[in-house]
Amino acid sequence: MIALAIGILAMLLTTRILTADNSTDAVPPAALDGLTLALSVLIESLPFIILGITLSVLVQVWVPREWLFRILPSHPIPRRLVISLLGMFLPVCECGNVPLARGLVARGYTVSESMTFLLAAPIINPVTIITTHQAFGWSDGILVARILGAIAIANLLGWVFSLHPRQHELLTERFAAQCAMPEKPGQHSKIERSARMFLHESSVLMPALIVGSLVAGAIQILVSRDTLVALGSDPLISVLAMMLLAFVISICANVDSFFILPFADTFLPGSLVAFLLLGPIIDIKMLALLRTTYRPRTLVRLSLLVVVLTAAVGTGVNLVA
């Protein structure tokens, strides 16, 4: 699978380089736009995926298991809260946090605990906080609402999924079986285990990233942004429109604030907050990546809860602002 993913990426890039000087008159503009958008999503996400896989390998192989559990509270609620704040120390966007969350489950964290980290980390990481402040400052409470909203949504969903009596059933059968396999540290050196783990995670996540990027690029050319902008003045409709835009655009959380900044004059603050909350958690690209870890039923429940909670936060900000 990893060879296929690399082959597709190499083919796309080679085709783009070889045809750079050729006329594109015969190619439909929509096809060119879709390919350009898909490549931009892919190229933007790829470094963070690699960084995330690298950090995941470090956590699983090089960090002592006892140390990871010793620093956490024993009570479930404060434990999940602390886990949701770990993203403050990891400048990785949402794509890179998927392998990190997978690594936490592999090291013995519950699915709900790793999910709490996964949902909050891309929004409260230092790069995202800085770029959001650079774009909006403290105006309309957008930055504060984004941070607090992410922590609240992550911990609420962590609590909801912690009620599931059989946590392993939330995972795909393949990943659950992988997590259940006993460790054999004496079988290979740490370097060999790290290399094997990096290749395995890459073979799972890279194809999903490529497929998600292609789908995101295709859908973006079918959705009219002018239509979305026309809906920007209604307190509820504007929130839903921005959530739809976030789902379609599939832009990295580290730069999404600058993308949405031009909409600040036409959309209410709560709708901007909804965009900034939903995108890093549930968009086309992320659904493709999350499918490598969670079963479809888990993803449906997760998505519905995130949509409802994000809409509530965005509408609340609009009513207060």
C-alpha atoms as a PDB file:
ATOM      1  CA  MET A   1       0.000   0.000   0.000  1.00  0.00           C
ATOM      2  CA  ILE A   2       2.784   2.440   0.835  1.00  0.00           C
ATOM      3  CA  ALA A   3       4.439   1.675  -2.522  1.00  0.00           C
ATOM      4  CA  LEU A   4       1.132   2.383  -4.282  1.00  0.00           C
ATOM      5  CA  ALA A   5       0.688   5.665  -2.388  1.00  0.00           C
ATOM      6  CA  ILE A   6       4.228   6.812  -3.189  1.00  0.00           C
ATOM      7  CA  GLY A   7       3.750   5.740  -6.791  1.00  0.00           C
ATOM      8  CA  ILE A   8       0.552   7.780  -7.192  1.00  0.00           C
ATOM      9  CA  LEU A   9       2.174  10.828  -5.603  1.00  0.00           C
ATOM     10  CA  ALA A  10       5.271  10.478  -7.793  1.00  0.00           C
ATOM     11  CA  MET A  11       3.096  10.087 -10.903  1.00  0.00           C
ATOM     12  CA  LEU A  12       1.111  13.235 -10.120  1.00  0.00           C
ATOM     13  CA  LEU A  13       4.201  15.306  -9.419  1.00  0.00           C
ATOM     14  CA  THR A  14       6.060  13.960 -12.478  1.00  0.00           C
ATOM     15  CA  THR A  15       3.091  14.671 -14.725  1.00  0.00           C
ATOM     16  CA  ARG A  16       2.876  18.205 -13.352  1.00  0.00           C
ATOM     17  CA  ILE A  17       6.601  18.838 -13.956  1.00  0.00           C
ATOM     18  CA  LEU A  18       6.681  17.351 -17.468  1.00  0.00           C
ATOM     19  CA  THR A  19       3.592  19.244 -18.598  1.00  0.00           C
ATOM     20  CA  ALA A  20       4.431  22.554 -16.940  1.00  0.00           C
ATOM     21  CA  ASP A  21       5.226  24.225 -20.259  1.00  0.00           C
ATOM     22  CA  ASN A  22       2.360  22.666 -22.192  1.00  0.00           C
ATOM     23  CA  SER A  23      -0.870  24.431 -22.989  1.00  0.00           C
ATOM     24  CA  THR A  24      -3.755  23.557 -20.688  1.00  0.00           C
ATOM     25  CA  ASP A  25      -6.461  24.780 -23.060  1.00  0.00           C
ATOM     26  CA  ALA A  26      -7.641  21.237 -23.755  1.00  0.00           C
ATOM     27  CA  VAL A  27      -7.996  20.417 -20.062  1.00  0.00           C
ATOM     28  CA  PRO A  28     -11.239  21.504 -18.355  1.00  0.00           C
ATOM     29  CA  PRO A  29     -10.564  24.319 -15.850  1.00  0.00           C
ATOM     30  CA  ALA A  30     -12.498  22.438 -13.181  1.00  0.00           C
ATOM     31  CA  ALA A  31     -10.158  19.444 -13.528  1.00  0.00           C
ATOM     32  CA  LEU A  32      -7.093  21.686 -13.212  1.00  0.00           C
ATOM     33  CA  ASP A  33      -8.546  23.402 -10.160  1.00  0.00           C
ATOM     34  CA  GLY A  34      -9.430  20.079  -8.540  1.00  0.00           C
ATOM     35  CA  LEU A  35      -5.940  18.647  -9.108  1.00  0.00           C
ATOM     36  CA  THR A  36      -4.285  21.828  -7.817  1.00  0.00           C
ATOM     37  CA  LEU A  37      -6.437  21.870  -4.686  1.00  0.00           C
ATOM     38  CA  ALA A  38      -5.842  18.161  -4.046  1.00  0.00           C
ATOM     39  CA  LEU A  39      -2.066  18.582  -4.377  1.00  0.00           C
ATOM     40  CA  SER A  40      -2.102  21.634  -2.101  1.00  0.00           C
ATOM     41  CA  VAL A  41      -3.943  19.712   0.626  1.00  0.00           C
ATOM     42  CA  LEU A  42      -1.588  16.756   0.208  1.00  0.00           C
ATOM     43  CA  ILE A  43       1.642  18.786   0.208  1.00  0.00           C
ATOM     44  CA  GLU A  44       0.445  20.874   3.150  1.00  0.00           C
ATOM     45  CA  SER A  45      -0.411  17.793   5.221  1.00  0.00           C
ATOM     46  CA  LEU A  46       2.467  15.464   4.307  1.00  0.00           C
ATOM     47  CA  PRO A  47       5.177  17.012   6.552  1.00  0.00           C
ATOM     48  CA  PHE A  48       2.866  16.872   9.574  1.00  0.00           C
ATOM     49  CA  ILE A  49       1.954  13.244   8.882  1.00  0.00           C
ATOM     50  CA  ILE A  50       5.650  12.338   8.805  1.00  0.00           C
ATOM     51  CA  LEU A  51       6.319  14.352  11.969  1.00  0.00           C
ATOM     52  CA  GLY A  52       3.338  12.740  13.691  1.00  0.00           C
ATOM     53  CA  ILE A  53       4.449   9.223  12.767  1.00  0.00           C
ATOM     54  CA  THR A  54       7.971  10.014  14.004  1.00  0.00           C
ATOM     55  CA  LEU A  55       6.678  11.306  17.345  1.00  0.00           C
ATOM     56  CA  SER A  56       4.368   8.301  17.639  1.00  0.00           C
ATOM     57  CA  VAL A  57       7.313   5.942  17.144  1.00  0.00           C
ATOM     58  CA  LEU A  58       9.323   7.835  19.769  1.00  0.00           C
ATOM     59  CA  VAL A  59       6.449   7.540  22.250  1.00  0.00           C
ATOM     60  CA  GLN A  60       5.914   3.834  21.614  1.00  0.00           C
ATOM     61  CA  VAL A  61       9.527   2.666  21.449  1.00  0.00           C
ATOM     62  CA  TRP A  62      11.750   5.112  23.297  1.00  0.00           C
ATOM     63  CA  VAL A  63       9.604   6.546  26.125  1.00  0.00           C
ATOM     64  CA  PRO A  64       9.243   4.154  29.099  1.00  0.00           C
ATOM     65  CA  ARG A  65       5.675   2.908  29.498  1.00  0.00           C
ATOM     66  CA  GLU A  66       5.741   3.488  33.269  1.00  0.00           C
ATOM     67  CA  TRP A  67       6.734   7.142  32.829  1.00  0.00           C
ATOM     68  CA  LEU A  68       3.767   7.838  30.552  1.00  0.00           C
ATOM     69  CA  PHE A  69       1.289   6.586  33.150  1.00  0.00           C
ATOM     70  CA  ARG A  70       3.061   7.987  36.219  1.00  0.00           C
ATOM     71  CA  ILE A  71       2.504  11.629  35.234  1.00  0.00           C
ATOM     72  CA  LEU A  72      -1.274  11.257  34.793  1.00  0.00           C
ATOM     73  CA  PRO A  73      -3.998  11.477  37.468  1.00  0.00           C
ATOM     74  CA  SER A  74      -5.662   8.205  38.341  1.00  0.00           C
ATOM     75  CA  HIS A  75      -9.242   9.571  38.290  1.00  0.00           C
ATOM     76  CA  PRO A  76     -10.738   9.353  34.764  1.00  0.00           C
ATOM     77  CA  ILE A  77     -12.040  12.943  34.443  1.00  0.00           C
ATOM     78  CA  PRO A  78      -8.873  14.883  35.404  1.00  0.00           C
ATOM     79  CA  ARG A  79      -6.856  12.210  33.594  1.00  0.00           C
ATOM     80  CA  ARG A  80      -8.644  12.916  30.310  1.00  0.00           C
ATOM     81  CA  LEU A  81      -8.352  16.660  30.929  1.00  0.00           C
ATOM     82  CA  VAL A  82      -4.570  16.412  31.292  1.00  0.00           C
ATOM     83  CA  ILE A  83      -4.350  14.206  28.182  1.00  0.00           C
ATOM     84  CA  SER A  84      -6.393  16.733  26.204  1.00  0.00           C
ATOM     85  CA  LEU A  85      -3.845  19.432  27.128  1.00  0.00           C
ATOM     86  CA  LEU A  86      -0.807  17.452  25.945  1.00  0.00           C
ATOM     87  CA  GLY A  87      -1.193  19.000  22.500  1.00  0.00           C
ATOM     88  CA  MET A  88       0.147  22.276  23.918  1.00  0.00           C
ATOM     89  CA  PHE A  89       3.602  20.697  23.848  1.00  0.00           C
ATOM     90  CA  LEU A  90       3.352  19.230  20.341  1.00  0.00           C
ATOM     91  CA  PRO A  91       3.392  21.615  17.333  1.00  0.00           C
ATOM     92  CA  VAL A  92       1.636  19.066  15.099  1.00  0.00           C
ATOM     93  CA  CYS A  93      -1.537  19.665  13.096  1.00  0.00           C
ATOM     94  CA  GLU A  94      -4.513  17.314  12.969  1.00  0.00           C
ATOM     95  CA  CYS A  95      -2.969  14.925  10.424  1.00  0.00           C
ATOM     96  CA  GLY A  96       0.094  14.312  12.563  1.00  0.00           C
ATOM     97  CA  ASN A  97      -2.010  13.744  15.662  1.00  0.00           C
ATOM     98  CA  VAL A  98      -3.708  10.662  14.171  1.00  0.00           C
ATOM     99  CA  PRO A  99      -0.564   8.505  14.396  1.00  0.00           C
ATOM    100  CA  LEU A 100       0.159  10.014  17.818  1.00  0.00           C
ATOM    101  CA  ALA A 101      -3.284   9.006  19.081  1.00  0.00           C
ATOM    102  CA  ARG A 102      -2.813   5.540  17.591  1.00  0.00           C
ATOM    103  CA  GLY A 103       0.469   5.320  19.465  1.00  0.00           C
ATOM    104  CA  LEU A 104      -1.209   6.177  22.748  1.00  0.00           C
ATOM    105  CA  VAL A 105      -3.718   3.357  22.314  1.00  0.00           C
ATOM    106  CA  ALA A 106      -0.908   0.972  21.420  1.00  0.00           C
ATOM    107  CA  ARG A 107       0.833   1.917  24.681  1.00  0.00           C
ATOM    108  CA  GLY A 108      -2.193   1.087  26.828  1.00  0.00           C
ATOM    109  CA  TYR A 109      -4.274   4.271  26.951  1.00  0.00           C
ATOM    110  CA  THR A 110      -8.005   3.727  26.529  1.00  0.00           C
ATOM    111  CA  VAL A 111      -9.618   4.635  23.213  1.00  0.00           C
ATOM    112  CA  SER A 112     -11.585   7.455  24.876  1.00  0.00           C
ATOM    113  CA  GLU A 113      -8.398   8.899  26.397  1.00  0.00           C
ATOM    114  CA  SER A 114      -6.556   8.900  23.087  1.00  0.00           C
ATOM    115  CA  MET A 115      -9.634  10.374  21.406  1.00  0.00           C
ATOM    116  CA  THR A 116      -9.629  13.227  23.929  1.00  0.00           C
ATOM    117  CA  PHE A 117      -6.050  14.022  22.918  1.00  0.00           C
ATOM    118  CA  LEU A 118      -6.810  13.660  19.218  1.00  0.00           C
ATOM    119  CA  LEU A 119      -9.713  16.128  19.240  1.00  0.00           C
ATOM    120  CA  ALA A 120      -8.070  18.890  21.289  1.00  0.00           C
ATOM    121  CA  ALA A 121      -4.415  18.677  20.241  1.00  0.00           C
ATOM    122  CA  PRO A 122      -4.578  20.256  16.750  1.00  0.00           C
ATOM    123  CA  ILE A 123      -6.353  23.348  18.103  1.00  0.00           C
ATOM    124  CA  ILE A 124      -4.429  23.990  21.310  1.00  0.00           C
ATOM    125  CA  ASN A 125      -0.972  23.302  19.887  1.00  0.00           C
ATOM    126  CA  PRO A 126       1.293  26.385  20.101  1.00  0.00           C
ATOM    127  CA  VAL A 127       1.508  27.013  16.334  1.00  0.00           C
ATOM    128  CA  THR A 128      -2.285  27.067  15.944  1.00  0.00           C
ATOM    129  CA  ILE A 129      -2.703  29.380  18.949  1.00  0.00           C
ATOM    130  CA  ILE A 130      -0.082  31.807  17.617  1.00  0.00           C
ATOM    131  CA  THR A 131      -1.513  31.901  14.085  1.00  0.00           C
ATOM    132  CA  THR A 132      -5.056  32.370  15.396  1.00  0.00           C
ATOM    133  CA  HIS A 133      -3.876  35.283  17.551  1.00  0.00           C
ATOM    134  CA  GLN A 134      -1.986  36.770  14.616  1.00  0.00           C
ATOM    135  CA  ALA A 135      -5.120  36.641  12.490  1.00  0.00           C
ATOM    136  CA  PHE A 136      -7.777  37.780  14.991  1.00  0.00           C
ATOM    137  CA  GLY A 137      -5.973  39.008  18.105  1.00  0.00           C
ATOM    138  CA  TRP A 138      -8.398  39.156  21.022  1.00  0.00           C
ATOM    139  CA  SER A 139     -11.274  40.555  18.967  1.00  0.00           C
ATOM    140  CA  ASP A 140     -14.761  39.087  19.535  1.00  0.00           C
ATOM    141  CA  GLY A 141     -13.284  36.381  21.781  1.00  0.00           C
ATOM    142  CA  ILE A 142     -12.565  34.172  18.757  1.00  0.00           C
ATOM    143  CA  LEU A 143      -9.216  32.897  20.077  1.00  0.00           C
ATOM    144  CA  VAL A 144     -10.525  32.191  23.590  1.00  0.00           C
ATOM    145  CA  ALA A 145     -13.692  30.553  22.248  1.00  0.00           C
ATOM    146  CA  ARG A 146     -11.641  28.339  19.955  1.00  0.00           C
ATOM    147  CA  ILE A 147      -9.332  27.114  22.731  1.00  0.00           C
ATOM    148  CA  LEU A 148     -12.024  26.602  25.374  1.00  0.00           C
ATOM    149  CA  GLY A 149     -14.420  25.122  22.829  1.00  0.00           C
ATOM    150  CA  ALA A 150     -11.841  22.559  21.706  1.00  0.00           C
ATOM    151  CA  ILE A 151     -11.046  21.491  25.270  1.00  0.00           C
ATOM    152  CA  ALA A 152     -14.746  21.254  26.151  1.00  0.00           C
ATOM    153  CA  ILE A 153     -15.681  19.255  23.027  1.00  0.00           C
ATOM    154  CA  ALA A 154     -12.718  16.895  23.442  1.00  0.00           C
ATOM    155  CA  ASN A 155     -13.486  16.148  27.080  1.00  0.00           C
ATOM    156  CA  LEU A 156     -17.223  15.772  26.516  1.00  0.00           C
ATOM    157  CA  LEU A 157     -16.641  13.275  23.716  1.00  0.00           C
ATOM    158  CA  GLY A 158     -13.969  11.527  25.766  1.00  0.00           C
ATOM    159  CA  TRP A 159     -16.508  11.104  28.557  1.00  0.00           C
ATOM    160  CA  VAL A 160     -19.235   9.884  26.175  1.00  0.00           C
ATOM    161  CA  PHE A 161     -17.023   7.236  24.577  1.00  0.00           C
ATOM    162  CA  SER A 162     -15.591   6.226  27.961  1.00  0.00           C
ATOM    163  CA  LEU A 163     -19.075   4.894  28.757  1.00  0.00           C
ATOM    164  CA  HIS A 164     -18.646   2.209  26.084  1.00  0.00           C
ATOM    165  CA  PRO A 165     -18.090  -1.046  28.003  1.00  0.00           C
ATOM    166  CA  ARG A 166     -15.820  -2.610  25.356  1.00  0.00           C
ATOM    167  CA  GLN A 167     -13.407   0.060  24.171  1.00  0.00           C
ATOM    168  CA  HIS A 168     -11.694  -2.194  21.622  1.00  0.00           C
ATOM    169  CA  GLU A 169     -14.948  -2.397  19.661  1.00  0.00           C
ATOM    170  CA  LEU A 170     -14.570   1.288  18.794  1.00  0.00           C
ATOM    171  CA  LEU A 171     -11.463   0.449  16.755  1.00  0.00           C
ATOM    172  CA  THR A 172     -11.104  -1.273  13.419  1.00  0.00           C
ATOM    173  CA  GLU A 173     -10.474  -4.997  13.769  1.00  0.00           C
ATOM    174  CA  ARG A 174      -7.035  -4.615  12.229  1.00  0.00           C
ATOM    175  CA  PHE A 175      -5.874  -1.901  14.591  1.00  0.00           C
ATOM    176  CA  ALA A 176      -7.457  -3.541  17.641  1.00  0.00           C
ATOM    177  CA  ALA A 177      -5.591  -6.761  16.826  1.00  0.00           C
ATOM    178  CA  GLN A 178      -2.363  -4.823  16.438  1.00  0.00           C
ATOM    179  CA  CYS A 179      -2.822  -3.205  19.869  1.00  0.00           C
ATOM    180  CA  ALA A 180      -3.595  -6.577  21.463  1.00  0.00           C
ATOM    181  CA  MET A 181      -0.335  -8.138  20.274  1.00  0.00           C
ATOM    182  CA  PRO A 182       2.143  -8.518  23.157  1.00  0.00           C
ATOM    183  CA  GLU A 183       5.386  -6.593  22.955  1.00  0.00           C
ATOM    184  CA  LYS A 184       8.567  -8.580  22.349  1.00  0.00           C
ATOM    185  CA  PRO A 185      11.288  -6.042  23.096  1.00  0.00           C
ATOM    186  CA  GLY A 186      14.064  -8.626  22.924  1.00  0.00           C
ATOM    187  CA  GLN A 187      13.192  -9.753  19.409  1.00  0.00           C
ATOM    188  CA  HIS A 188      14.504  -6.618  17.651  1.00  0.00           C
ATOM    189  CA  SER A 189      16.608  -3.640  18.621  1.00  0.00           C
ATOM    190  CA  LYS A 190      14.898  -0.306  19.270  1.00  0.00           C
ATOM    191  CA  ILE A 191      16.173   1.051  15.967  1.00  0.00           C
ATOM    192  CA  GLU A 192      14.773  -1.946  14.062  1.00  0.00           C
ATOM    193  CA  ARG A 193      11.434  -1.668  15.884  1.00  0.00           C
ATOM    194  CA  SER A 194      11.311   2.056  15.130  1.00  0.00           C
ATOM    195  CA  ALA A 195      11.941   1.480  11.421  1.00  0.00           C
ATOM    196  CA  ARG A 196       9.345  -1.315  11.214  1.00  0.00           C
ATOM    197  CA  MET A 197       6.782   0.800  13.071  1.00  0.00           C
ATOM    198  CA  PHE A 198       7.421   3.863  10.887  1.00  0.00           C
ATOM    199  CA  LEU A 199       6.934   1.826   7.709  1.00  0.00           C
ATOM    200  CA  HIS A 200       3.782   0.169   9.052  1.00  0.00           C
ATOM    201  CA  GLU A 201       2.141   3.441  10.130  1.00  0.00           C
ATOM    202  CA  SER A 202       3.123   5.061   6.820  1.00  0.00           C
ATOM    203  CA  SER A 203       1.571   2.188   4.851  1.00  0.00           C
ATOM    204  CA  VAL A 204      -1.710   2.669   6.744  1.00  0.00           C
ATOM    205  CA  LEU A 205      -1.944   6.466   6.775  1.00  0.00           C
ATOM    206  CA  MET A 206      -0.369   7.603   3.483  1.00  0.00           C
ATOM    207  CA  PRO A 207      -2.965   6.002   1.163  1.00  0.00           C
ATOM    208  CA  ALA A 208      -5.762   7.443   3.316  1.00  0.00           C
ATOM    209  CA  LEU A 209      -4.183  10.899   3.101  1.00  0.00           C
ATOM    210  CA  ILE A 210      -3.903  10.715  -0.688  1.00  0.00           C
ATOM    211  CA  VAL A 211      -7.485   9.521  -1.140  1.00  0.00           C
ATOM    212  CA  GLY A 212      -8.769  12.164   1.283  1.00  0.00           C
ATOM    213  CA  SER A 213      -6.855  14.913  -0.534  1.00  0.00           C
ATOM    214  CA  LEU A 214      -8.222  13.856  -3.933  1.00  0.00           C
ATOM    215  CA  VAL A 215     -11.798  13.756  -2.632  1.00  0.00           C
ATOM    216  CA  ALA A 216     -11.383  17.145  -0.911  1.00  0.00           C
ATOM    217  CA  GLY A 217     -10.064  18.694  -4.128  1.00  0.00           C
ATOM    218  CA  ALA A 218     -12.935  17.239  -6.170  1.00  0.00           C
ATOM    219  CA  ILE A 219     -15.632  18.476  -3.793  1.00  0.00           C
ATOM    220  CA  GLN A 220     -14.171  21.973  -3.468  1.00  0.00           C
ATOM    221  CA  ILE A 221     -14.747  22.680  -7.158  1.00  0.00           C
ATOM    222  CA  LEU A 222     -18.397  21.612  -6.832  1.00  0.00           C
ATOM    223  CA  VAL A 223     -19.321  23.866  -3.878  1.00  0.00           C
ATOM    224  CA  SER A 224     -19.837  27.553  -4.596  1.00  0.00           C
ATOM    225  CA  ARG A 225     -18.204  29.799  -1.999  1.00  0.00           C
ATOM    226  CA  ASP A 226     -20.381  32.706  -3.170  1.00  0.00           C
ATOM    227  CA  THR A 227     -23.410  30.776  -1.965  1.00  0.00           C
ATOM    228  CA  LEU A 228     -21.837  30.291   1.442  1.00  0.00           C
ATOM    229  CA  VAL A 229     -20.929  33.976   1.764  1.00  0.00           C
ATOM    230  CA  ALA A 230     -24.532  34.961   1.027  1.00  0.00           C
ATOM    231  CA  LEU A 231     -25.573  33.081   4.173  1.00  0.00           C
ATOM    232  CA  GLY A 232     -23.121  34.834   6.485  1.00  0.00           C
ATOM    233  CA  SER A 233     -25.429  37.229   8.347  1.00  0.00           C
ATOM    234  CA  ASP A 234     -27.814  34.745   9.973  1.00  0.00           C
ATOM    235  CA  PRO A 235     -26.751  33.657  13.513  1.00  0.00           C
ATOM    236  CA  LEU A 236     -27.513  29.967  12.920  1.00  0.00           C
ATOM    237  CA  ILE A 237     -27.297  29.600   9.133  1.00  0.00           C
ATOM    238  CA  SER A 238     -23.894  31.320   9.089  1.00  0.00           C
ATOM    239  CA  VAL A 239     -22.585  28.785  11.601  1.00  0.00           C
ATOM    240  CA  LEU A 240     -23.838  25.850   9.524  1.00  0.00           C
ATOM    241  CA  ALA A 241     -22.451  27.397   6.324  1.00  0.00           C
ATOM    242  CA  MET A 242     -19.006  27.842   7.850  1.00  0.00           C
ATOM    243  CA  MET A 243     -19.045  24.292   9.198  1.00  0.00           C
ATOM    244  CA  LEU A 244     -19.826  23.045   5.695  1.00  0.00           C
ATOM    245  CA  LEU A 245     -16.985  25.145   4.310  1.00  0.00           C
ATOM    246  CA  ALA A 246     -14.562  23.780   6.929  1.00  0.00           C
ATOM    247  CA  PHE A 247     -15.572  20.217   6.073  1.00  0.00           C
ATOM    248  CA  VAL A 248     -15.022  20.780   2.358  1.00  0.00           C
ATOM    249  CA  ILE A 249     -11.864  22.892   2.388  1.00  0.00           C
ATOM    250  CA  SER A 250      -9.875  20.447   4.582  1.00  0.00           C
ATOM    251  CA  ILE A 251      -7.193  23.005   5.378  1.00  0.00           C
ATOM    252  CA  CYS A 252      -4.517  22.523   8.035  1.00  0.00           C
ATOM    253  CA  ALA A 253      -5.325  23.882  11.512  1.00  0.00           C
ATOM    254  CA  ASN A 254      -1.996  25.715  11.621  1.00  0.00           C
ATOM    255  CA  VAL A 255      -3.014  28.048   8.791  1.00  0.00           C
ATOM    256  CA  ASP A 256      -6.830  27.953   8.735  1.00  0.00           C
ATOM    257  CA  SER A 257      -7.087  31.279  10.613  1.00  0.00           C
ATOM    258  CA  PHE A 258      -5.496  33.163   7.724  1.00  0.00           C
ATOM    259  CA  PHE A 259      -7.722  31.375   5.223  1.00  0.00           C
ATOM    260  CA  ILE A 260     -10.890  32.398   7.042  1.00  0.00           C
ATOM    261  CA  LEU A 261      -9.761  35.937   7.904  1.00  0.00           C
ATOM    262  CA  PRO A 262     -11.190  37.502   4.674  1.00  0.00           C
ATOM    263  CA  PHE A 263     -14.640  36.202   5.716  1.00  0.00           C
ATOM    264  CA  ALA A 264     -14.535  38.175   8.985  1.00  0.00           C
ATOM    265  CA  ASP A 265     -16.267  41.166   7.382  1.00  0.00           C
ATOM    266  CA  THR A 266     -19.247  39.153   6.129  1.00  0.00           C
ATOM    267  CA  PHE A 267     -19.651  36.390   8.729  1.00  0.00           C
ATOM    268  CA  LEU A 268     -20.522  36.627  12.411  1.00  0.00           C
ATOM    269  CA  PRO A 269     -17.822  35.753  15.008  1.00  0.00           C
ATOM    270  CA  GLY A 270     -19.561  32.544  16.081  1.00  0.00           C
ATOM    271  CA  SER A 271     -19.521  31.205  12.535  1.00  0.00           C
ATOM    272  CA  LEU A 272     -15.765  31.832  12.346  1.00  0.00           C
ATOM    273  CA  VAL A 273     -15.318  29.965  15.638  1.00  0.00           C
ATOM    274  CA  ALA A 274     -17.381  27.079  14.245  1.00  0.00           C
ATOM    275  CA  PHE A 275     -15.113  26.927  11.184  1.00  0.00           C
ATOM    276  CA  LEU A 276     -11.996  26.970  13.368  1.00  0.00           C
ATOM    277  CA  LEU A 277     -13.370  24.209  15.626  1.00  0.00           C
ATOM    278  CA  LEU A 278     -14.871  21.772  13.130  1.00  0.00           C
ATOM    279  CA  GLY A 279     -12.154  21.733  10.454  1.00  0.00           C
ATOM    280  CA  PRO A 280      -9.308  20.322  12.573  1.00  0.00           C
ATOM    281  CA  ILE A 281     -11.580  17.601  13.964  1.00  0.00           C
ATOM    282  CA  ILE A 282     -13.888  16.517  11.157  1.00  0.00           C
ATOM    283  CA  ASP A 283     -13.220  17.277   7.508  1.00  0.00           C
ATOM    284  CA  ILE A 284     -12.914  15.132   4.383  1.00  0.00           C
ATOM    285  CA  LYS A 285      -9.204  14.534   4.824  1.00  0.00           C
ATOM    286  CA  MET A 286      -9.520  13.724   8.526  1.00  0.00           C
ATOM    287  CA  LEU A 287     -12.377  11.270   7.984  1.00  0.00           C
ATOM    288  CA  ALA A 288     -10.183   9.332   5.570  1.00  0.00           C
ATOM    289  CA  LEU A 289      -7.381   9.245   8.154  1.00  0.00           C
ATOM    290  CA  LEU A 290      -9.655   8.415  11.092  1.00  0.00           C
ATOM    291  CA  ARG A 291     -11.125   5.504   9.142  1.00  0.00           C
ATOM    292  CA  THR A 292      -7.740   3.769   9.547  1.00  0.00           C
ATOM    293  CA  THR A 293      -8.335   3.657  13.315  1.00  0.00           C
ATOM    294  CA  TYR A 294     -12.067   3.813  14.117  1.00  0.00           C
ATOM    295  CA  ARG A 295     -14.947   1.682  12.896  1.00  0.00           C
ATOM    296  CA  PRO A 296     -17.570   3.366  10.676  1.00  0.00           C
ATOM    297  CA  ARG A 297     -20.148   3.320  13.489  1.00  0.00           C
ATOM    298  CA  THR A 298     -17.679   5.077  15.796  1.00  0.00           C
ATOM    299  CA  LEU A 299     -16.933   7.691  13.144  1.00  0.00           C
ATOM    300  CA  VAL A 300     -20.635   8.391  12.554  1.00  0.00           C
ATOM    301  CA  ARG A 301     -21.276   8.947  16.265  1.00  0.00           C
ATOM    302  CA  LEU A 302     -18.113  11.008  16.637  1.00  0.00           C
ATOM    303  CA  SER A 303     -18.985  13.196  13.651  1.00  0.00           C
ATOM    304  CA  LEU A 304     -22.583  13.817  14.734  1.00  0.00           C
ATOM    305  CA  LEU A 305     -21.534  14.781  18.269  1.00  0.00           C
ATOM    306  CA  VAL A 306     -18.807  17.109  17.004  1.00  0.00           C
ATOM    307  CA  VAL A 307     -21.217  18.798  14.584  1.00  0.00           C
ATOM    308  CA  VAL A 308     -23.880  19.336  17.276  1.00  0.00           C
ATOM    309  CA  LEU A 309     -21.410  20.635  19.882  1.00  0.00           C
ATOM    310  CA  THR A 310     -19.625  22.884  17.378  1.00  0.00           C
ATOM    311  CA  ALA A 311     -22.931  24.358  16.222  1.00  0.00           C
ATOM    312  CA  ALA A 312     -23.877  25.005  19.857  1.00  0.00           C
ATOM    313  CA  VAL A 313     -20.575  26.781  20.581  1.00  0.00           C
ATOM    314  CA  GLY A 314     -20.768  28.876  17.406  1.00  0.00           C
ATOM    315  CA  THR A 315     -24.390  29.871  17.976  1.00  0.00           C
ATOM    316  CA  GLY A 316     -23.615  30.710  21.610  1.00  0.00           C
ATOM    317  CA  VAL A 317     -20.765  33.011  20.582  1.00  0.00           C
ATOM    318  CA  ASN A 318     -23.061  34.735  18.070  1.00  0.00           C
ATOM    319  CA  LEU A 319     -25.679  35.352  20.765  1.00  0.00           C
ATOM    320  CA  VAL A 320     -23.107  36.779  23.188  1.00  0.00           C
ATOM    321  CA  ALA A 321     -21.051  38.805  20.714  1.00  0.00           C
END
